[in-house]
Every structure is written in structure tokens, then in C-alpha cells.
Amino acid sequence: MFAWRNALILGVIFMAVGTAYFFLNGHTVGLDVAGATMLLVLGFAMAFVFAILLRGSREL
């Protein structure tokens, strides 16, 4: 039903959004490094927790 690839894809999506947000935000008044950092950390955290939950439920 679930696969470890889903956990990685979920994390990569948020990390890609965070990276895009960092580079596309340069044209505004100020550079929002905190927002990009939080999106990158969110991507890593979601992938990590999803993988741990799948491992605990023996779905991996």
C-alpha cells in the first residue's frame, strides 16, 4: 500500500518548493531566508517521520 519512495517524494516536493521559494524571492524588497529554511526543514522532517511511521507499521 505505502512505499518508502512516497516518503522520499513527499520530502523532495517540500524541499523543491523551499529551494524555488528561496531563489524566486530575490526580486522582492527583502530576502526571506527564514521561510525558505522552514520549508526545507519541513520537507526533511516530513520525509523522516513518514519513513519512521511506515517502518513502525511494518509497511516498508
C-alpha atoms as a PDB file:
ATOM      1  CA  MET A   1       0.000   0.000   0.000  1.00  0.00           C
ATOM      2  CA  PHE A   2       2.667   2.520   1.024  1.00  0.00           C
ATOM      3  CA  ALA A   3       6.262   2.560  -0.113  1.00  0.00           C
ATOM      4  CA  TRP A   4       9.389   4.259   1.135  1.00  0.00           C
ATOM      5  CA  ARG A   5       9.504   6.116  -2.188  1.00  0.00           C
ATOM      6  CA  ASN A   6       6.364   8.002  -1.154  1.00  0.00           C
ATOM      7  CA  ALA A   7       8.154   9.305   1.924  1.00  0.00           C
ATOM      8  CA  LEU A   8      11.099  10.459  -0.175  1.00  0.00           C
ATOM      9  CA  ILE A   9       8.867  12.040  -2.819  1.00  0.00           C
ATOM     10  CA  LEU A  10       6.932  13.928  -0.148  1.00  0.00           C
ATOM     11  CA  GLY A  11      10.146  15.316   1.334  1.00  0.00           C
ATOM     12  CA  VAL A  12      11.639  16.179  -2.054  1.00  0.00           C
ATOM     13  CA  ILE A  13       8.500  18.087  -3.052  1.00  0.00           C
ATOM     14  CA  PHE A  14       8.706  20.339   0.003  1.00  0.00           C
ATOM     15  CA  MET A  15      12.462  20.760  -0.409  1.00  0.00           C
ATOM     16  CA  ALA A  16      11.987  21.748  -4.059  1.00  0.00           C
ATOM     17  CA  VAL A  17       9.323  24.271  -3.078  1.00  0.00           C
ATOM     18  CA  GLY A  18      11.659  25.693  -0.416  1.00  0.00           C
ATOM     19  CA  THR A  19      14.533  25.973  -2.878  1.00  0.00           C
ATOM     20  CA  ALA A  20      12.314  27.586  -5.516  1.00  0.00           C
ATOM     21  CA  TYR A  21      10.944  29.983  -2.883  1.00  0.00           C
ATOM     22  CA  PHE A  22      14.472  30.982  -1.908  1.00  0.00           C
ATOM     23  CA  PHE A  23      15.587  31.726  -5.469  1.00  0.00           C
ATOM     24  CA  LEU A  24      12.359  33.343  -6.663  1.00  0.00           C
ATOM     25  CA  ASN A  25      12.064  35.548  -3.574  1.00  0.00           C
ATOM     26  CA  GLY A  26      15.110  37.647  -4.504  1.00  0.00           C
ATOM     27  CA  HIS A  27      13.058  40.091  -6.595  1.00  0.00           C
ATOM     28  CA  THR A  28      11.055  41.384  -3.634  1.00  0.00           C
ATOM     29  CA  VAL A  29      12.040  44.040  -1.100  1.00  0.00           C
ATOM     30  CA  GLY A  30      14.000  41.676   1.150  1.00  0.00           C
ATOM     31  CA  LEU A  31      15.285  38.130   1.017  1.00  0.00           C
ATOM     32  CA  ASP A  32      13.197  35.800   3.198  1.00  0.00           C
ATOM     33  CA  VAL A  33      15.746  33.229   4.292  1.00  0.00           C
ATOM     34  CA  ALA A  34      13.654  32.071   7.259  1.00  0.00           C
ATOM     35  CA  GLY A  35      10.727  30.997   5.080  1.00  0.00           C
ATOM     36  CA  ALA A  36      12.938  29.004   2.727  1.00  0.00           C
ATOM     37  CA  THR A  37      14.750  27.382   5.641  1.00  0.00           C
ATOM     38  CA  MET A  38      11.478  26.375   7.284  1.00  0.00           C
ATOM     39  CA  LEU A  39      10.220  24.806   4.033  1.00  0.00           C
ATOM     40  CA  LEU A  40      13.464  22.848   3.624  1.00  0.00           C
ATOM     41  CA  VAL A  41      13.353  21.632   7.229  1.00  0.00           C
ATOM     42  CA  LEU A  42       9.654  20.772   6.831  1.00  0.00           C
ATOM     43  CA  GLY A  43      10.472  18.617   3.809  1.00  0.00           C
ATOM     44  CA  PHE A  44      13.193  16.752   5.668  1.00  0.00           C
ATOM     45  CA  ALA A  45      11.044  16.316   8.779  1.00  0.00           C
ATOM     46  CA  MET A  46       8.018  15.041   6.849  1.00  0.00           C
ATOM     47  CA  ALA A  47      10.101  12.512   4.912  1.00  0.00           C
ATOM     48  CA  PHE A  48      11.821  11.342   8.091  1.00  0.00           C
ATOM     49  CA  VAL A  49       8.623  10.980  10.130  1.00  0.00           C
ATOM     50  CA  PHE A  50       6.734   9.310   7.285  1.00  0.00           C
ATOM     51  CA  ALA A  51       9.568   6.790   6.888  1.00  0.00           C
ATOM     52  CA  ILE A  52       9.626   6.121  10.659  1.00  0.00           C
ATOM     53  CA  LEU A  53       5.844   5.623  10.749  1.00  0.00           C
ATOM     54  CA  LEU A  54       5.957   3.248   7.810  1.00  0.00           C
ATOM     55  CA  ARG A  55       8.826   1.340   9.401  1.00  0.00           C
ATOM     56  CA  GLY A  56       6.920   1.062  12.690  1.00  0.00           C
ATOM     57  CA  SER A  57       3.799  -0.202  10.967  1.00  0.00           C
ATOM     58  CA  ARG A  58       5.891  -2.770   9.061  1.00  0.00           C
ATOM     59  CA  GLU A  59       4.663  -1.395   5.738  1.00  0.00           C
ATOM     60  CA  LEU A  60       8.189  -0.723   4.462  1.00  0.00           C
END
